[in-house]
Protein backbone atom coordinates (compact mmCIF):
# COMPACT_ATOMS: atom_id res chain seq x y z
CA MET A 1 -10.11 9.41 -4.76
CA GLY A 2 -8.41 12.25 -6.60
CA ASP A 3 -5.84 13.05 -3.93
CA LEU A 4 -4.37 9.56 -3.90
CA THR A 5 -4.29 9.12 -7.66
CA GLU A 6 -2.69 12.56 -8.10
CA LEU A 7 0.22 11.38 -5.94
CA LEU A 8 0.93 8.70 -8.54
CA ALA A 9 1.93 11.35 -11.09
CA ASP A 10 5.18 11.82 -9.12
CA THR A 11 7.54 8.84 -8.87
CA SER A 12 9.11 10.29 -5.72
CA THR A 13 5.89 9.23 -3.96
CA ARG A 14 6.68 6.82 -1.11
CA ILE A 15 4.46 3.74 -1.13
CA ALA A 16 4.40 1.13 1.64
CA VAL A 17 3.23 -2.16 0.14
CA VAL A 18 1.76 -4.18 3.00
CA GLY A 19 1.88 -7.83 2.01
CA ALA A 20 4.90 -7.50 -0.29
CA THR A 21 6.48 -10.87 -0.99
CA ASP A 22 8.87 -12.73 -3.28
CA ASP A 23 6.19 -15.32 -4.10
CA SER A 24 5.59 -14.48 -7.76
CA ALA A 25 2.16 -16.14 -7.64
CA LYS A 26 0.89 -13.47 -5.21
CA TYR A 27 -0.21 -9.94 -5.96
CA GLY A 28 2.05 -8.67 -3.17
CA SER A 29 4.97 -9.59 -5.41
CA VAL A 30 3.47 -8.29 -8.64
CA VAL A 31 2.41 -4.95 -7.15
CA TYR A 32 5.71 -4.35 -5.34
CA ARG A 33 7.85 -5.05 -8.40
CA ASP A 34 5.59 -3.09 -10.75
CA LEU A 35 5.72 0.05 -8.61
CA LYS A 36 9.46 -0.33 -8.09
CA ARG A 37 10.05 -0.76 -11.83
CA LYS A 38 8.09 2.44 -12.49
CA GLY A 39 10.45 4.31 -10.18
CA TYR A 40 8.30 4.83 -7.09
CA ARG A 41 9.97 4.76 -3.69
CA VAL A 42 8.49 1.49 -2.42
CA MET A 43 8.89 -0.01 1.03
CA ALA A 44 8.01 -3.65 1.65
CA VAL A 45 5.98 -4.45 4.78
CA ASN A 46 5.69 -8.10 5.77
CA PRO A 47 6.43 -9.54 9.24
CA ASN A 48 7.29 -12.92 7.71
CA ARG A 49 10.13 -11.77 5.42
CA THR A 50 13.46 -10.03 5.78
CA THR A 51 13.75 -8.98 2.13
CA VAL A 52 11.60 -8.61 -0.97
CA ASP A 53 13.26 -8.30 -4.36
CA GLY A 54 16.55 -7.75 -2.53
CA ASP A 55 15.16 -4.80 -0.55
CA PRO A 56 14.80 -4.71 3.24
CA THR A 57 11.37 -5.64 4.53
CA TYR A 58 9.79 -4.10 7.61
CA PRO A 59 7.54 -6.02 10.02
CA ASP A 60 4.98 -3.21 10.35
CA LEU A 61 4.32 0.41 9.50
CA ALA A 62 5.92 1.66 12.72
CA SER A 63 9.25 0.16 11.60
CA LEU A 64 9.45 2.05 8.30
CA PRO A 65 12.49 4.34 7.93
CA GLU A 66 10.31 7.20 6.62
CA PRO A 67 6.59 7.90 6.45
CA PRO A 68 4.81 6.64 3.34
CA ASP A 69 2.64 8.91 1.22
CA ILE A 70 0.38 5.92 0.48
CA VAL A 71 -0.14 2.70 2.41
CA ASP A 72 -1.12 0.04 -0.15
CA LEU A 73 -2.77 -3.06 1.30
CA VAL A 74 -2.32 -6.38 -0.49
CA VAL A 75 -3.48 -8.49 2.48
CA PRO A 76 -6.80 -10.02 3.52
CA ALA A 77 -9.28 -7.57 5.06
CA ASP A 78 -9.01 -9.05 8.56
CA GLN A 79 -5.26 -8.29 8.55
CA GLY A 80 -5.97 -4.94 6.94
CA GLU A 81 -8.00 -3.76 9.92
CA LYS A 82 -4.95 -3.98 12.18
CA VAL A 83 -2.80 -2.21 9.56
CA VAL A 84 -5.36 0.58 9.12
CA ARG A 85 -5.55 1.17 12.87
CA GLN A 86 -1.76 1.35 13.06
CA ALA A 87 -1.64 3.71 10.07
CA ALA A 88 -4.14 6.03 11.75
CA ASP A 89 -2.18 5.93 15.03
CA LEU A 90 0.98 6.91 13.13
CA GLY A 91 -0.76 9.71 11.26
CA TYR A 92 -0.70 7.97 7.86
CA ARG A 93 -3.95 9.10 6.29
CA ARG A 94 -3.85 7.70 2.73
CA ILE A 95 -4.82 4.05 2.32
CA TRP A 96 -5.13 2.08 -0.93
CA LEU A 97 -6.96 -1.25 -0.84
CA GLN A 98 -6.08 -3.51 -3.73
CA PRO A 99 -8.98 -5.51 -5.20
CA GLY A 100 -9.92 -8.26 -2.76
CA ALA A 101 -8.37 -6.50 0.25
CA ASP A 102 -11.58 -4.79 1.36
CA SER A 103 -14.59 -5.83 3.38
CA PRO A 104 -17.62 -3.99 4.71
CA ALA A 105 -16.01 -3.88 8.17
CA LEU A 106 -12.73 -2.50 6.82
CA LEU A 107 -14.51 0.15 4.74
CA ALA A 108 -16.53 1.15 7.82
CA LEU A 109 -13.31 1.43 9.84
CA LEU A 110 -11.70 3.66 7.20
CA GLN A 111 -14.74 5.93 7.31
CA GLU A 112 -14.86 5.89 11.11
CA LEU A 113 -11.20 6.93 11.27
CA ASP A 114 -11.84 9.57 8.58
CA LEU A 115 -8.99 8.33 6.39
CA ASP A 116 -8.56 9.05 2.69
CA TYR A 117 -8.83 5.79 0.81
CA ILE A 118 -9.36 4.04 -2.46
CA ALA A 119 -10.93 0.59 -2.48
CA ASP A 120 -11.21 -2.10 -5.11
CA ALA A 121 -8.93 -0.35 -7.60
CA CYS A 122 -5.52 -1.52 -8.72
CA ILE A 123 -2.66 0.87 -7.97
CA MET A 124 -0.70 -0.62 -10.89
CA VAL A 125 -3.39 0.43 -13.36
CA ALA A 126 -3.88 3.84 -11.74
CA SER A 127 -0.13 4.53 -11.74
CA ARG A 128 0.17 3.57 -15.40
CA LEU A 129 -2.63 6.01 -16.27
CA ARG A 130 -1.12 8.80 -14.16
CA LEU A 131 2.40 8.39 -15.52
CA ALA A 132 1.08 8.41 -19.09
CA ARG A 133 -0.32 11.95 -18.70
């Protein structure tokens, strides 16, 4: 867990928010805007949108203009499995599962692929704690 949270001490960290949206009732909106407001280099990933908060949105991880340091999942676990497999194929090793985005199958997949991950912890809270240090 330490490696991922340590990255949050530096706002130049690139974070792909999978499930980013403009729907203010969804965590994909709250998380994206919070990280952006804190100064992180956020990239919105959502195949159903062209923009989020005025920023370009990418349909998948392979479409990102640069590799993320952290892939943050704000999607249901069944969608997360596909994202995690793609992340591993692309060499993205750091995965953050927002609360509610995990499942036993997804956690088993992360372990099987030997990826670094944090599950059931909010990146907004962790970033606030890291930036306060």
